[in-house]
Amino acid sequence: MPKGYFFVEIEITDPAAYEAYRTSVPDIISAHGGRILVRGGDPQPLDGVIPRRRRVIVEFDSPEAVKTFYDSDAYQAVQPIRLKASNGFVCLLTGTE
């Protein structure tokens, strides 16, 4: 079964408010079997121009596990913080087997 990846690309508009989200989510990810692969970081462009945004990649055992994490009561309780403190998107990516 392919892995599932929770991919986030956002521009933080309210760093103080975003901090509550940033500090809460790792425990929720861990409780759902996720593993943070990339969190923030300093992207080094190899080609093109990279917009200044925060990127996070979290690996889960399956795409279904990403959905379970995302739909969980714990994540849904903190998601509004991210929505108010940033602009951007989150998506589910499916890995190759």
N, C-alpha and C. Protein backbone atom coordinates (compact mmCIF):
# COMPACT_ATOMS: atom_id res chain seq x y z
N MET A 1 0.85 -1.18 0.00
CA MET A 1 0.00 0.00 0.00
C MET A 1 0.89 1.24 0.00
N PRO A 2 0.55 2.25 -0.80
CA PRO A 2 1.37 3.46 -0.84
C PRO A 2 1.23 4.29 0.44
N LYS A 3 2.26 5.03 0.73
CA LYS A 3 2.24 5.96 1.86
C LYS A 3 1.33 7.15 1.52
N GLY A 4 0.88 7.84 2.55
CA GLY A 4 0.14 9.08 2.37
C GLY A 4 0.93 10.22 2.96
N TYR A 5 0.85 11.37 2.33
CA TYR A 5 1.60 12.55 2.78
C TYR A 5 0.65 13.73 2.96
N PHE A 6 0.75 14.35 4.11
CA PHE A 6 0.02 15.58 4.43
C PHE A 6 0.97 16.70 4.07
N PHE A 7 0.63 17.48 3.04
CA PHE A 7 1.51 18.53 2.53
C PHE A 7 0.88 19.88 2.82
N VAL A 8 1.66 20.76 3.40
CA VAL A 8 1.20 22.10 3.77
C VAL A 8 2.10 23.12 3.11
N GLU A 9 1.50 24.13 2.49
CA GLU A 9 2.27 25.27 1.99
C GLU A 9 1.48 26.53 2.34
N ILE A 10 2.02 27.31 3.26
CA ILE A 10 1.29 28.47 3.76
C ILE A 10 2.20 29.68 3.92
N GLU A 11 1.56 30.83 3.92
CA GLU A 11 2.20 32.09 4.32
C GLU A 11 1.60 32.45 5.67
N ILE A 12 2.42 32.55 6.68
CA ILE A 12 1.93 32.87 8.02
C ILE A 12 1.69 34.38 8.10
N THR A 13 0.45 34.75 8.41
CA THR A 13 0.07 36.16 8.47
C THR A 13 0.00 36.69 9.90
N ASP A 14 -0.11 35.78 10.86
CA ASP A 14 -0.17 36.16 12.28
C ASP A 14 0.69 35.17 13.07
N PRO A 15 2.01 35.44 13.15
CA PRO A 15 2.91 34.49 13.81
C PRO A 15 2.54 34.16 15.25
N ALA A 16 2.08 35.13 16.00
CA ALA A 16 1.74 34.87 17.40
C ALA A 16 0.58 33.89 17.50
N ALA A 17 -0.43 34.07 16.69
CA ALA A 17 -1.58 33.15 16.70
C ALA A 17 -1.17 31.78 16.15
N TYR A 18 -0.34 31.76 15.12
CA TYR A 18 0.07 30.50 14.50
C TYR A 18 0.85 29.62 15.47
N GLU A 19 1.54 30.23 16.41
CA GLU A 19 2.35 29.48 17.37
C GLU A 19 1.52 28.44 18.13
N ALA A 20 0.29 28.76 18.46
CA ALA A 20 -0.58 27.80 19.16
C ALA A 20 -0.85 26.58 18.29
N TYR A 21 -1.02 26.78 17.01
CA TYR A 21 -1.21 25.66 16.07
C TYR A 21 0.08 24.85 15.96
N ARG A 22 1.18 25.55 15.74
CA ARG A 22 2.48 24.90 15.53
C ARG A 22 2.87 24.01 16.70
N THR A 23 2.57 24.43 17.90
CA THR A 23 2.97 23.64 19.07
C THR A 23 1.98 22.52 19.40
N SER A 24 0.76 22.61 18.90
CA SER A 24 -0.26 21.58 19.18
C SER A 24 -0.22 20.41 18.21
N VAL A 25 0.07 20.68 16.96
CA VAL A 25 -0.10 19.67 15.91
C VAL A 25 0.86 18.48 16.01
N PRO A 26 2.12 18.63 16.40
CA PRO A 26 3.00 17.45 16.44
C PRO A 26 2.45 16.30 17.29
N ASP A 27 1.86 16.58 18.42
CA ASP A 27 1.29 15.51 19.25
C ASP A 27 0.11 14.83 18.56
N ILE A 28 -0.68 15.61 17.84
CA ILE A 28 -1.82 15.04 17.11
C ILE A 28 -1.31 14.15 15.97
N ILE A 29 -0.30 14.63 15.27
CA ILE A 29 0.31 13.84 14.19
C ILE A 29 0.83 12.52 14.75
N SER A 30 1.58 12.60 15.82
CA SER A 30 2.17 11.40 16.43
C SER A 30 1.09 10.42 16.88
N ALA A 31 0.02 10.92 17.45
CA ALA A 31 -1.06 10.06 17.92
C ALA A 31 -1.73 9.30 16.78
N HIS A 32 -1.58 9.81 15.55
CA HIS A 32 -2.17 9.16 14.38
C HIS A 32 -1.12 8.43 13.54
N GLY A 33 0.06 8.23 14.11
CA GLY A 33 1.09 7.45 13.43
C GLY A 33 1.86 8.21 12.37
N GLY A 34 1.74 9.53 12.35
CA GLY A 34 2.45 10.34 11.37
C GLY A 34 3.87 10.66 11.80
N ARG A 35 4.69 10.98 10.80
CA ARG A 35 6.09 11.34 11.05
C ARG A 35 6.42 12.59 10.24
N ILE A 36 6.84 13.65 10.92
CA ILE A 36 7.17 14.90 10.23
C ILE A 36 8.49 14.70 9.50
N LEU A 37 8.46 14.90 8.17
CA LEU A 37 9.66 14.78 7.35
C LEU A 37 10.30 16.14 7.10
N VAL A 38 9.47 17.14 6.86
CA VAL A 38 9.95 18.50 6.59
C VAL A 38 9.05 19.45 7.38
N ARG A 39 9.68 20.40 8.06
CA ARG A 39 8.91 21.40 8.81
C ARG A 39 9.64 22.72 8.71
N GLY A 40 9.10 23.60 7.88
CA GLY A 40 9.76 24.89 7.68
C GLY A 40 10.97 24.71 6.80
N GLY A 41 12.12 24.92 7.36
CA GLY A 41 13.35 24.74 6.60
C GLY A 41 13.66 25.94 5.72
N ASP A 42 14.78 25.85 5.08
CA ASP A 42 15.26 26.92 4.20
C ASP A 42 15.44 26.32 2.81
N PRO A 43 14.41 26.43 1.94
CA PRO A 43 14.53 25.81 0.63
C PRO A 43 15.65 26.43 -0.20
N GLN A 44 16.39 25.59 -0.85
CA GLN A 44 17.48 26.01 -1.72
C GLN A 44 17.03 25.84 -3.16
N PRO A 45 16.77 26.93 -3.88
CA PRO A 45 16.26 26.80 -5.24
C PRO A 45 17.28 26.12 -6.15
N LEU A 46 16.80 25.16 -6.89
CA LEU A 46 17.62 24.51 -7.91
C LEU A 46 17.21 25.02 -9.29
N ASP A 47 15.97 25.49 -9.39
CA ASP A 47 15.45 26.01 -10.65
C ASP A 47 14.24 26.87 -10.32
N GLY A 48 14.16 28.04 -10.87
CA GLY A 48 12.99 28.89 -10.64
C GLY A 48 13.08 29.69 -9.36
N VAL A 49 11.99 30.35 -9.05
CA VAL A 49 11.89 31.21 -7.87
C VAL A 49 10.94 30.56 -6.87
N ILE A 50 11.38 30.41 -5.64
CA ILE A 50 10.58 29.79 -4.60
C ILE A 50 9.91 30.88 -3.78
N PRO A 51 8.57 30.88 -3.72
CA PRO A 51 7.89 31.86 -2.87
C PRO A 51 8.23 31.64 -1.39
N ARG A 52 8.26 32.71 -0.63
CA ARG A 52 8.54 32.61 0.80
C ARG A 52 7.29 32.11 1.50
N ARG A 53 7.26 30.82 1.74
CA ARG A 53 6.14 30.18 2.43
C ARG A 53 6.68 29.09 3.33
N ARG A 54 5.90 28.72 4.30
CA ARG A 54 6.25 27.60 5.18
C ARG A 54 5.74 26.32 4.54
N ARG A 55 6.58 25.32 4.51
CA ARG A 55 6.20 24.03 3.96
C ARG A 55 6.39 22.95 5.01
N VAL A 56 5.42 22.05 5.07
CA VAL A 56 5.48 20.93 6.00
C VAL A 56 5.07 19.68 5.23
N ILE A 57 5.83 18.61 5.41
CA ILE A 57 5.49 17.32 4.82
C ILE A 57 5.47 16.30 5.95
N VAL A 58 4.32 15.62 6.08
CA VAL A 58 4.16 14.60 7.12
C VAL A 58 3.82 13.28 6.43
N GLU A 59 4.55 12.23 6.79
CA GLU A 59 4.32 10.91 6.20
C GLU A 59 3.42 10.08 7.11
N PHE A 60 2.44 9.42 6.51
CA PHE A 60 1.57 8.48 7.19
C PHE A 60 1.65 7.14 6.47
N ASP A 61 1.19 6.09 7.11
CA ASP A 61 1.26 4.75 6.53
C ASP A 61 0.42 4.58 5.27
N SER A 62 -0.60 5.42 5.11
CA SER A 62 -1.49 5.29 3.95
C SER A 62 -2.22 6.61 3.72
N PRO A 63 -2.78 6.80 2.53
CA PRO A 63 -3.61 7.97 2.30
C PRO A 63 -4.81 8.02 3.25
N GLU A 64 -5.35 6.86 3.58
CA GLU A 64 -6.49 6.82 4.50
C GLU A 64 -6.10 7.33 5.89
N ALA A 65 -4.86 7.05 6.30
CA ALA A 65 -4.39 7.53 7.61
C ALA A 65 -4.30 9.05 7.64
N VAL A 66 -3.95 9.67 6.49
CA VAL A 66 -3.94 11.13 6.41
C VAL A 66 -5.35 11.66 6.64
N LYS A 67 -6.31 11.05 5.98
CA LYS A 67 -7.70 11.49 6.12
C LYS A 67 -8.20 11.31 7.55
N THR A 68 -7.81 10.21 8.18
CA THR A 68 -8.21 9.97 9.57
C THR A 68 -7.63 11.04 10.49
N PHE A 69 -6.35 11.37 10.29
CA PHE A 69 -5.71 12.44 11.05
C PHE A 69 -6.44 13.76 10.82
N TYR A 70 -6.63 14.12 9.55
CA TYR A 70 -7.23 15.41 9.20
C TYR A 70 -8.65 15.55 9.75
N ASP A 71 -9.42 14.47 9.69
CA ASP A 71 -10.81 14.50 10.15
C ASP A 71 -10.97 14.31 11.65
N SER A 72 -9.88 14.03 12.35
CA SER A 72 -9.97 13.75 13.79
C SER A 72 -10.47 14.98 14.55
N ASP A 73 -11.13 14.72 15.66
CA ASP A 73 -11.61 15.81 16.51
C ASP A 73 -10.45 16.68 16.98
N ALA A 74 -9.32 16.05 17.29
CA ALA A 74 -8.17 16.80 17.79
C ALA A 74 -7.64 17.77 16.75
N TYR A 75 -7.49 17.32 15.49
CA TYR A 75 -6.99 18.23 14.45
C TYR A 75 -8.04 19.29 14.11
N GLN A 76 -9.28 18.89 13.99
CA GLN A 76 -10.33 19.85 13.65
C GLN A 76 -10.47 20.93 14.71
N ALA A 77 -10.07 20.64 15.94
CA ALA A 77 -10.12 21.64 17.01
C ALA A 77 -9.07 22.73 16.83
N VAL A 78 -7.92 22.41 16.20
CA VAL A 78 -6.86 23.41 16.02
C VAL A 78 -6.81 23.97 14.60
N GLN A 79 -7.45 23.32 13.66
CA GLN A 79 -7.43 23.79 12.28
C GLN A 79 -7.87 25.25 12.14
N PRO A 80 -8.90 25.71 12.85
CA PRO A 80 -9.30 27.12 12.71
C PRO A 80 -8.18 28.10 13.04
N ILE A 81 -7.27 27.72 13.92
CA ILE A 81 -6.13 28.59 14.24
C ILE A 81 -5.29 28.80 12.99
N ARG A 82 -4.98 27.68 12.29
CA ARG A 82 -4.18 27.78 11.05
C ARG A 82 -4.90 28.62 10.01
N LEU A 83 -6.19 28.40 9.86
CA LEU A 83 -6.95 29.13 8.85
C LEU A 83 -6.96 30.64 9.12
N LYS A 84 -7.03 31.02 10.38
CA LYS A 84 -7.04 32.45 10.73
C LYS A 84 -5.66 33.08 10.69
N ALA A 85 -4.62 32.28 10.92
CA ALA A 85 -3.27 32.83 11.06
C ALA A 85 -2.41 32.67 9.81
N SER A 86 -3.00 32.15 8.72
CA SER A 86 -2.19 31.92 7.52
C SER A 86 -3.06 31.90 6.27
N ASN A 87 -2.38 32.01 5.13
CA ASN A 87 -2.99 31.83 3.82
C ASN A 87 -2.23 30.71 3.13
N GLY A 88 -2.92 29.90 2.38
CA GLY A 88 -2.24 28.82 1.66
C GLY A 88 -3.14 27.62 1.54
N PHE A 89 -2.51 26.44 1.53
CA PHE A 89 -3.29 25.23 1.35
C PHE A 89 -2.65 24.04 2.05
N VAL A 90 -3.46 23.01 2.27
CA VAL A 90 -2.97 21.70 2.69
C VAL A 90 -3.56 20.70 1.70
N CYS A 91 -2.85 19.61 1.46
CA CYS A 91 -3.38 18.60 0.56
C CYS A 91 -2.84 17.23 0.93
N LEU A 92 -3.50 16.23 0.40
CA LEU A 92 -3.09 14.84 0.56
C LEU A 92 -2.36 14.43 -0.71
N LEU A 93 -1.15 13.92 -0.54
CA LEU A 93 -0.39 13.37 -1.66
C LEU A 93 -0.24 11.88 -1.42
N THR A 94 -0.36 11.11 -2.48
CA THR A 94 -0.20 9.66 -2.39
C THR A 94 1.15 9.28 -2.95
N GLY A 95 1.93 8.55 -2.16
CA GLY A 95 3.25 8.11 -2.60
C GLY A 95 3.15 6.94 -3.57
N THR A 96 4.28 6.57 -4.11
CA THR A 96 4.33 5.41 -4.98
C THR A 96 4.67 4.19 -4.14
N GLU A 97 4.27 3.03 -4.63
CA GLU A 97 4.55 1.80 -3.87
C GLU A 97 5.96 1.35 -4.11
